[in-house]
Amino acid sequence: MAETRLHPAQLILPMFVREGAAESVPIGSMPGVVQHTLDSLRAEVARAAAAGIGGVMLFGVPEHKDAIGSGATDPDGILNVATRVAVAEAGDALVVQTDLCLDEFTDHGHCGVLDARGRVDNDASLARYRDMGLAQAEAGSAVLGLSGMMDGQVGAVRSALDSAGHPDTVLLGYAAKYASTFYGPFREAVQSSLQGDRRSYQLDPANRREGLREVLLDVDEGADVVMVKPAMSYLDVLADAAAASPVPVWAYQVSGEYAMVEAAAAHGWIERERAIDESLVSIARAGAEAILTYWAIEAAERWARS
């Protein structure tokens, strides 16, 4: 009788890979989630493939940062190396995806480069995104997650990829990405150096119509998939996008959503597994065709046993 059902192939696991790490590093605010070494990345990708989830989304945690995020475009930078490792391990069993944003690589922690007054320079950032997109495509990433929220980012990267012979690389536009407090644990996960905030380029949480407008703009620029982020506090925006978008709509169940459930369950205040499943079903019910979630492997393995 259930109207909404989920399959493991609809789940995507975000993964953090730390440069220079000798062993996996637990993330304190996200119990059960770690910064991976290249070896533990291989093992977890193999486990993800065996669980039947749809893909992994990789984030790099570099040892060194600078003002323009040089490590993001270095073929031997941690994210591009991790991509090659994951692709070699996964084969065709799942889709290897990469985060295309500079925030993990810049010493100021913003998603783009800064101008002389310390403000994010949208057009200069697009030039970096083009180069980053090419580096990721050449490393083997099948889906580029454009999460920086720069105006014109989808069109800029699409043009660069097509000109360089990568017309089949999929662009996932983080179209409706809100300036949310629920990203807090993620910033620990990537060791963010953020100074200030991102309200000048991420969306105001009060704005519903703007979210749909941004989705349609990304579609017009050539996005193959569009994203709503965070998920659970923006189910209305997600439903609007799902009703209007001609391309698939995904959602990201972000670090703060994960941390809240884990913390409440650890205190015995909620039933953990039921809360996980209910949260995922709610996101799918609102219209998400795939969900980025830190519970991807756990949920898929548990569903297979039930």
Protein backbone atom coordinates (compact mmCIF):
# COMPACT_ATOMS: atom_id res chain seq x y z
CA MET A 1 0.00 0.00 0.00
CA ALA A 2 3.02 2.32 0.27
CA GLU A 3 2.93 5.13 -2.29
CA THR A 4 6.68 5.81 -2.05
CA ARG A 5 9.37 3.13 -2.17
CA LEU A 6 13.12 3.49 -2.15
CA HIS A 7 15.75 1.34 -3.83
CA PRO A 8 19.48 1.31 -2.97
CA ALA A 9 20.28 2.58 -6.48
CA GLN A 10 18.60 5.88 -5.52
CA LEU A 11 21.17 6.51 -2.79
CA ILE A 12 24.54 8.27 -3.22
CA LEU A 13 27.22 8.24 -0.53
CA PRO A 14 29.24 11.43 0.10
CA MET A 15 32.85 10.54 0.99
CA PHE A 16 35.76 12.63 2.29
CA VAL A 17 39.33 11.74 1.29
CA ARG A 18 42.17 13.29 3.29
CA GLU A 19 45.55 13.94 1.72
CA GLY A 20 48.49 12.47 3.61
CA ALA A 21 46.39 10.53 6.12
CA ALA A 22 47.97 7.29 7.35
CA GLU A 23 44.65 6.00 8.69
CA SER A 24 41.00 6.99 8.60
CA VAL A 25 40.15 10.01 10.76
CA PRO A 26 36.76 9.99 12.57
CA ILE A 27 34.64 13.15 12.25
CA GLY A 28 33.49 14.04 15.75
CA SER A 29 30.23 15.74 14.83
CA MET A 30 29.24 12.95 12.43
CA PRO A 31 29.43 9.61 14.28
CA GLY A 32 30.31 6.79 11.90
CA VAL A 33 31.67 9.08 9.17
CA VAL A 34 35.41 9.43 8.55
CA GLN A 35 37.97 11.18 6.43
CA HIS A 36 39.29 8.34 4.29
CA THR A 37 42.77 7.38 3.24
CA LEU A 38 43.17 6.17 -0.33
CA ASP A 39 43.23 2.59 0.97
CA SER A 40 40.09 2.94 3.06
CA LEU A 41 38.46 4.72 0.12
CA ARG A 42 39.04 1.62 -2.01
CA ALA A 43 37.50 -0.62 0.63
CA GLU A 44 34.46 1.60 1.14
CA VAL A 45 33.83 1.99 -2.59
CA ALA A 46 33.93 -1.79 -2.92
CA ARG A 47 31.43 -2.07 -0.05
CA ALA A 48 29.21 0.57 -1.68
CA ALA A 49 29.23 -1.33 -4.96
CA ALA A 50 28.35 -4.59 -3.20
CA ALA A 51 25.46 -2.85 -1.42
CA GLY A 52 24.03 -1.76 -4.77
CA ILE A 53 23.91 1.97 -4.13
CA GLY A 54 23.87 4.29 -7.13
CA GLY A 55 27.06 6.22 -6.62
CA VAL A 56 29.61 7.99 -4.45
CA MET A 57 30.27 11.73 -4.28
CA LEU A 58 33.90 12.53 -3.48
CA PHE A 59 35.23 15.53 -1.54
CA GLY A 60 38.94 16.25 -1.17
CA VAL A 61 40.63 17.40 2.04
CA PRO A 62 44.02 18.80 0.97
CA GLU A 63 47.08 19.31 3.14
CA HIS A 64 47.79 22.75 1.66
CA LYS A 65 45.44 25.56 0.61
CA ASP A 66 45.89 28.88 -1.15
CA ALA A 67 43.84 31.86 -2.31
CA ILE A 68 42.77 30.34 -5.64
CA GLY A 69 42.45 26.71 -4.58
CA SER A 70 45.31 25.44 -6.73
CA GLY A 71 44.90 21.89 -5.46
CA ALA A 72 41.50 21.67 -7.11
CA THR A 73 43.00 21.72 -10.59
CA ASP A 74 46.23 19.84 -9.91
CA PRO A 75 46.01 16.41 -11.62
CA ASP A 76 47.89 15.06 -8.61
CA GLY A 77 45.68 16.88 -6.10
CA ILE A 78 43.87 14.69 -3.60
CA LEU A 79 40.43 14.88 -5.19
CA ASN A 80 41.66 13.97 -8.67
CA VAL A 81 43.85 11.17 -7.33
CA ALA A 82 40.93 9.85 -5.26
CA THR A 83 38.72 9.95 -8.34
CA ARG A 84 41.09 7.73 -10.29
CA VAL A 85 41.29 5.33 -7.35
CA ALA A 86 37.50 5.14 -6.97
CA VAL A 87 36.92 4.67 -10.70
CA ALA A 88 39.48 1.86 -10.81
CA GLU A 89 37.85 0.15 -7.83
CA ALA A 90 34.21 0.62 -8.82
CA GLY A 91 34.34 -0.05 -12.54
CA ASP A 92 30.76 0.07 -13.82
CA ALA A 93 29.24 -1.04 -10.51
CA LEU A 94 28.38 2.50 -9.43
CA VAL A 95 28.77 6.10 -10.61
CA VAL A 96 31.79 8.02 -9.33
CA GLN A 97 30.92 11.68 -8.82
CA THR A 98 32.99 14.64 -7.65
CA ASP A 99 32.28 17.90 -5.86
CA LEU A 100 33.17 20.84 -8.09
CA CYS A 101 33.72 23.70 -5.68
CA LEU A 102 36.75 25.56 -4.39
CA ASP A 103 35.82 25.83 -0.71
CA GLU A 104 37.82 22.78 0.40
CA PHE A 105 40.90 24.11 -1.40
CA THR A 106 40.96 27.85 -0.59
CA ASP A 107 42.66 29.30 2.47
CA HIS A 108 39.70 31.65 2.99
CA GLY A 109 37.14 28.86 2.69
CA HIS A 110 34.89 30.50 0.12
CA CYS A 111 33.48 28.72 -2.92
CA GLY A 112 35.20 31.09 -5.32
CA VAL A 113 38.21 33.37 -5.60
CA LEU A 114 38.15 36.78 -3.94
CA ASP A 115 38.61 40.24 -5.46
CA ALA A 116 40.76 43.04 -4.05
CA ARG A 117 38.02 43.98 -1.59
CA GLY A 118 37.67 40.47 -0.25
CA ARG A 119 34.40 39.70 -2.02
CA VAL A 120 33.76 36.57 -4.08
CA ASP A 121 34.48 37.36 -7.74
CA ASN A 122 31.85 35.46 -9.70
CA ASP A 123 33.46 35.62 -13.15
CA ALA A 124 36.99 34.88 -11.94
CA SER A 125 35.54 31.90 -10.07
CA LEU A 126 33.94 30.60 -13.27
CA ALA A 127 37.37 30.46 -14.89
CA ARG A 128 38.59 28.27 -12.03
CA TYR A 129 35.48 26.10 -12.31
CA ARG A 130 36.14 25.49 -15.99
CA ASP A 131 39.65 24.26 -15.21
CA MET A 132 38.41 22.22 -12.26
CA GLY A 133 35.73 20.59 -14.40
CA LEU A 134 38.30 19.57 -17.01
CA ALA A 135 40.62 18.13 -14.35
CA GLN A 136 37.80 16.09 -12.82
CA ALA A 137 36.52 14.81 -16.16
CA GLU A 138 40.04 13.78 -17.18
CA ALA A 139 40.44 11.97 -13.83
CA GLY A 140 37.38 9.90 -14.74
CA SER A 141 34.51 11.51 -12.85
CA ALA A 142 31.20 10.74 -14.54
CA VAL A 143 29.15 13.40 -12.71
CA LEU A 144 30.41 16.82 -11.67
CA GLY A 145 28.55 18.30 -8.70
CA LEU A 146 28.59 22.05 -9.24
CA SER A 147 27.98 23.18 -5.68
CA GLY A 148 29.54 26.63 -5.65
CA MET A 149 26.39 28.65 -6.51
CA MET A 150 28.17 31.04 -8.86
CA ASP A 151 25.91 32.62 -11.48
CA GLY A 152 26.48 30.96 -14.85
CA GLN A 153 28.49 28.02 -13.48
CA VAL A 154 26.59 25.33 -15.39
CA GLY A 155 26.91 27.05 -18.75
CA ALA A 156 30.59 27.83 -18.20
CA VAL A 157 31.57 24.27 -17.28
CA ARG A 158 29.37 22.73 -19.97
CA SER A 159 31.05 24.86 -22.62
CA ALA A 160 34.54 23.98 -21.36
CA LEU A 161 33.78 20.25 -21.27
CA ASP A 162 32.22 20.18 -24.71
CA SER A 163 35.14 22.08 -26.23
CA ALA A 164 37.64 19.66 -24.66
CA GLY A 165 35.93 16.49 -25.83
CA HIS A 166 33.92 15.61 -22.74
CA PRO A 167 30.32 16.00 -23.98
CA ASP A 168 29.11 12.96 -22.02
CA THR A 169 30.24 14.15 -18.59
CA VAL A 170 27.08 14.79 -16.57
CA LEU A 171 26.55 18.13 -14.83
CA LEU A 172 24.71 18.11 -11.52
CA GLY A 173 23.74 21.69 -10.78
CA TYR A 174 23.31 22.51 -7.10
CA ALA A 175 20.62 24.88 -8.20
CA ALA A 176 18.70 25.61 -5.00
CA LYS A 177 21.43 25.59 -2.37
CA TYR A 178 20.50 27.57 0.70
CA ALA A 179 22.70 29.43 3.20
CA SER A 180 21.92 26.93 5.94
CA THR A 181 23.16 26.35 9.46
CA PHE A 182 22.78 22.61 8.84
CA TYR A 183 26.14 22.54 7.02
CA GLY A 184 28.02 22.92 10.32
CA PRO A 185 29.39 19.37 10.70
CA PHE A 186 30.41 19.29 7.02
CA ARG A 187 32.81 22.13 7.65
CA GLU A 188 34.57 19.98 10.22
CA ALA A 189 34.59 17.11 7.73
CA VAL A 190 36.46 19.14 5.08
CA GLN A 191 38.46 21.19 7.60
CA SER A 192 36.96 24.38 6.21
CA SER A 193 38.88 27.63 6.52
CA LEU A 194 35.75 29.74 6.00
CA GLN A 195 36.01 33.39 6.97
CA GLY A 196 32.64 35.14 7.15
CA ASP A 197 29.62 33.50 5.54
CA ARG A 198 28.22 32.59 2.12
CA ARG A 199 24.97 34.53 2.17
CA SER A 200 26.02 36.66 -0.80
CA TYR A 201 25.86 33.67 -3.17
CA GLN A 202 23.79 30.97 -1.45
CA LEU A 203 20.02 31.40 -1.19
CA ASP A 204 18.09 33.05 1.64
CA PRO A 205 16.24 30.33 3.61
CA ALA A 206 13.11 32.51 3.49
CA ASN A 207 12.90 32.37 -0.32
CA ARG A 208 10.81 29.62 -1.92
CA ARG A 209 10.18 31.10 -5.38
CA GLU A 210 13.86 31.95 -5.81
CA GLY A 211 14.73 28.29 -5.35
CA LEU A 212 12.56 27.27 -8.29
CA ARG A 213 13.89 30.17 -10.37
CA GLU A 214 17.46 29.00 -9.79
CA VAL A 215 16.51 25.43 -10.76
CA LEU A 216 15.07 26.59 -14.07
CA LEU A 217 18.08 28.80 -14.78
CA ASP A 218 20.41 25.81 -14.36
CA VAL A 219 18.22 23.73 -16.66
CA ASP A 220 18.41 26.45 -19.29
CA GLU A 221 22.22 26.46 -19.01
CA GLY A 222 22.42 22.74 -19.69
CA ALA A 223 22.28 20.98 -16.32
CA ASP A 224 21.57 17.26 -16.70
CA VAL A 225 20.40 16.99 -13.09
CA VAL A 226 19.49 19.67 -10.52
CA MET A 227 19.88 19.63 -6.76
CA VAL A 228 18.01 21.00 -3.76
CA LYS A 229 20.18 21.35 -0.64
CA PRO A 230 19.57 20.88 2.28
CA ALA A 231 16.75 18.36 1.93
CA MET A 232 14.49 18.08 4.95
CA SER A 233 14.08 21.79 5.75
CA TYR A 234 13.37 22.53 2.08
CA LEU A 235 10.88 19.85 1.09
CA ASP A 236 8.54 22.53 -0.29
CA VAL A 237 11.30 23.78 -2.62
CA LEU A 238 12.07 20.19 -3.56
CA ALA A 239 8.43 19.51 -4.42
CA ASP A 240 8.27 22.70 -6.51
CA ALA A 241 11.41 21.68 -8.41
CA ALA A 242 10.20 18.12 -8.99
CA ALA A 243 6.91 19.41 -10.40
CA ALA A 244 8.54 21.88 -12.79
CA SER A 245 11.91 20.46 -13.82
CA PRO A 246 12.28 18.61 -17.14
CA VAL A 247 15.47 16.96 -15.81
CA PRO A 248 15.96 14.70 -12.75
CA VAL A 249 15.86 16.36 -9.34
CA TRP A 250 18.10 15.15 -6.51
CA ALA A 251 18.41 16.25 -2.88
CA TYR A 252 21.26 16.26 -0.37
CA GLN A 253 20.51 15.11 3.17
CA VAL A 254 23.24 17.24 4.69
CA SER A 255 25.59 16.75 7.62
CA GLY A 256 23.45 18.60 10.15
CA GLU A 257 20.43 16.46 9.33
CA TYR A 258 22.55 13.34 9.83
CA ALA A 259 24.05 14.65 13.07
CA MET A 260 20.67 15.55 14.59
CA VAL A 261 19.25 12.06 14.07
CA GLU A 262 22.40 10.40 15.37
CA ALA A 263 22.51 12.64 18.45
CA ALA A 264 18.83 12.15 19.30
CA ALA A 265 19.13 8.39 18.80
CA ALA A 266 22.25 8.23 20.99
CA HIS A 267 20.19 9.76 23.81
CA GLY A 268 17.39 7.26 23.27
CA TRP A 269 14.95 9.97 22.26
CA ILE A 270 14.01 8.45 18.88
CA GLU A 271 14.24 5.05 17.19
CA ARG A 272 17.31 5.40 15.04
CA GLU A 273 16.59 3.10 12.10
CA ARG A 274 12.96 4.20 11.81
CA ALA A 275 14.07 7.83 11.86
CA ILE A 276 16.63 7.21 9.12
CA ASP A 277 14.08 5.48 6.89
CA GLU A 278 11.36 8.04 7.56
CA SER A 279 13.69 10.89 6.72
CA LEU A 280 14.74 9.26 3.44
CA VAL A 281 11.15 8.43 2.47
CA SER A 282 10.07 12.01 3.16
CA ILE A 283 12.71 13.31 0.75
CA ALA A 284 11.69 10.84 -1.94
CA ARG A 285 8.01 11.57 -1.31
CA ALA A 286 8.66 15.26 -1.97
CA GLY A 287 10.08 14.37 -5.38
CA ALA A 288 13.79 13.53 -5.13
CA GLU A 289 14.78 10.86 -7.63
CA ALA A 290 18.12 10.30 -5.89
CA ILE A 291 19.36 11.25 -2.43
CA LEU A 292 22.86 12.02 -1.22
CA THR A 293 22.98 10.62 2.31
CA TYR A 294 25.66 9.50 4.75
CA TRP A 295 23.46 6.49 5.55
CA ALA A 296 23.53 5.20 1.95
CA ILE A 297 25.45 1.96 2.52
CA GLU A 298 23.89 1.24 5.91
CA ALA A 299 20.36 1.72 4.60
CA ALA A 300 20.99 -0.34 1.46
CA GLU A 301 22.50 -3.25 3.42
CA ARG A 302 19.67 -3.21 5.96
CA TRP A 303 16.96 -3.10 3.30
CA ALA A 304 18.58 -6.13 1.63
CA ARG A 305 18.22 -8.08 4.90
CA SER A 306 14.59 -7.14 5.49
